[in-house]
Amino acid sequence: MEWLKSMQGTVVGMDTAPLIYFIEENPAYLDIVRPFFIALD
């Protein structure tokens, strides 16, 4: 995903909502937030 590549090597601040969506595996948002947390790992 291009938006992930553009953030690589930078400091990123985020709200808690994407983290909650990821932890709860919210089907409405999981496909959007999962790549971010995979890249973070």
N, C-alpha and C. Protein backbone atom coordinates (compact mmCIF):
# COMPACT_ATOMS: atom_id res chain seq x y z
N MET A 1 0.84 -1.18 0.00
CA MET A 1 0.00 0.00 0.00
C MET A 1 0.88 1.24 0.00
N GLU A 2 0.58 2.10 -0.91
CA GLU A 2 1.41 3.29 -1.11
C GLU A 2 1.42 4.21 0.11
N TRP A 3 0.29 4.34 0.80
CA TRP A 3 0.24 5.23 1.96
C TRP A 3 1.14 4.73 3.08
N LEU A 4 1.35 3.44 3.18
CA LEU A 4 2.27 2.90 4.19
C LEU A 4 3.71 3.22 3.83
N LYS A 5 4.04 3.12 2.56
CA LYS A 5 5.41 3.42 2.11
C LYS A 5 5.76 4.88 2.37
N SER A 6 4.79 5.77 2.21
CA SER A 6 5.06 7.19 2.40
C SER A 6 5.32 7.54 3.87
N MET A 7 4.87 6.70 4.79
CA MET A 7 5.08 6.96 6.22
C MET A 7 6.30 6.25 6.79
N GLN A 8 6.88 5.36 6.03
CA GLN A 8 8.01 4.57 6.52
C GLN A 8 9.16 5.47 6.97
N GLY A 9 9.66 5.21 8.16
CA GLY A 9 10.79 5.96 8.70
C GLY A 9 10.40 7.28 9.35
N THR A 10 9.11 7.52 9.52
CA THR A 10 8.65 8.76 10.14
C THR A 10 7.94 8.45 11.45
N VAL A 11 7.77 9.47 12.27
CA VAL A 11 6.99 9.34 13.50
C VAL A 11 5.52 9.54 13.13
N VAL A 12 4.69 8.62 13.57
CA VAL A 12 3.27 8.67 13.24
C VAL A 12 2.46 8.71 14.53
N GLY A 13 1.59 9.68 14.65
CA GLY A 13 0.66 9.74 15.77
C GLY A 13 -0.68 9.22 15.31
N MET A 14 -1.38 8.53 16.20
CA MET A 14 -2.69 8.02 15.80
C MET A 14 -3.66 8.05 16.95
N ASP A 15 -4.91 8.11 16.62
CA ASP A 15 -5.97 8.06 17.60
C ASP A 15 -6.13 6.62 18.10
N THR A 16 -6.85 6.42 19.17
CA THR A 16 -7.02 5.06 19.70
C THR A 16 -8.01 4.23 18.89
N ALA A 17 -8.89 4.88 18.12
CA ALA A 17 -9.91 4.13 17.38
C ALA A 17 -9.33 3.05 16.47
N PRO A 18 -8.30 3.34 15.64
CA PRO A 18 -7.76 2.27 14.79
C PRO A 18 -7.19 1.10 15.60
N LEU A 19 -6.61 1.40 16.74
CA LEU A 19 -6.10 0.32 17.59
C LEU A 19 -7.24 -0.55 18.11
N ILE A 20 -8.31 0.09 18.52
CA ILE A 20 -9.48 -0.66 19.00
C ILE A 20 -10.08 -1.49 17.88
N TYR A 21 -10.19 -0.91 16.68
CA TYR A 21 -10.72 -1.66 15.54
C TYR A 21 -9.87 -2.89 15.27
N PHE A 22 -8.56 -2.74 15.39
CA PHE A 22 -7.65 -3.85 15.13
C PHE A 22 -7.78 -4.92 16.20
N ILE A 23 -7.78 -4.51 17.46
CA ILE A 23 -7.86 -5.47 18.56
C ILE A 23 -9.19 -6.23 18.53
N GLU A 24 -10.27 -5.50 18.28
CA GLU A 24 -11.59 -6.14 18.25
C GLU A 24 -11.90 -6.81 16.92
N GLU A 25 -10.99 -6.67 15.96
CA GLU A 25 -11.18 -7.23 14.62
C GLU A 25 -12.51 -6.80 14.01
N ASN A 26 -12.77 -5.50 14.09
CA ASN A 26 -13.99 -4.92 13.55
C ASN A 26 -14.02 -5.14 12.03
N PRO A 27 -15.01 -5.88 11.53
CA PRO A 27 -15.03 -6.21 10.11
C PRO A 27 -15.17 -5.00 9.19
N ALA A 28 -15.71 -3.91 9.68
CA ALA A 28 -15.88 -2.72 8.85
C ALA A 28 -14.55 -2.01 8.59
N TYR A 29 -13.57 -2.18 9.48
CA TYR A 29 -12.31 -1.44 9.37
C TYR A 29 -11.06 -2.31 9.34
N LEU A 30 -11.20 -3.58 9.59
CA LEU A 30 -10.02 -4.45 9.72
C LEU A 30 -9.15 -4.46 8.47
N ASP A 31 -9.75 -4.49 7.30
CA ASP A 31 -8.94 -4.50 6.06
C ASP A 31 -8.15 -3.21 5.88
N ILE A 32 -8.60 -2.13 6.51
CA ILE A 32 -7.91 -0.85 6.40
C ILE A 32 -6.78 -0.75 7.43
N VAL A 33 -7.04 -1.17 8.67
CA VAL A 33 -6.05 -0.98 9.74
C VAL A 33 -5.03 -2.10 9.84
N ARG A 34 -5.37 -3.30 9.41
CA ARG A 34 -4.45 -4.43 9.53
C ARG A 34 -3.10 -4.19 8.85
N PRO A 35 -3.07 -3.68 7.61
CA PRO A 35 -1.77 -3.45 6.97
C PRO A 35 -0.87 -2.49 7.76
N PHE A 36 -1.46 -1.50 8.41
CA PHE A 36 -0.68 -0.57 9.21
C PHE A 36 0.01 -1.30 10.35
N PHE A 37 -0.73 -2.12 11.08
CA PHE A 37 -0.14 -2.81 12.23
C PHE A 37 0.83 -3.91 11.80
N ILE A 38 0.61 -4.52 10.67
CA ILE A 38 1.57 -5.49 10.14
C ILE A 38 2.88 -4.78 9.80
N ALA A 39 2.78 -3.62 9.15
CA ALA A 39 3.98 -2.85 8.81
C ALA A 39 4.69 -2.36 10.06
N LEU A 40 3.93 -2.00 11.08
CA LEU A 40 4.50 -1.55 12.34
C LEU A 40 5.30 -2.65 13.00
N ASP A 41 4.80 -3.87 12.93
CA ASP A 41 5.45 -5.02 13.54
C ASP A 41 6.76 -5.29 12.83
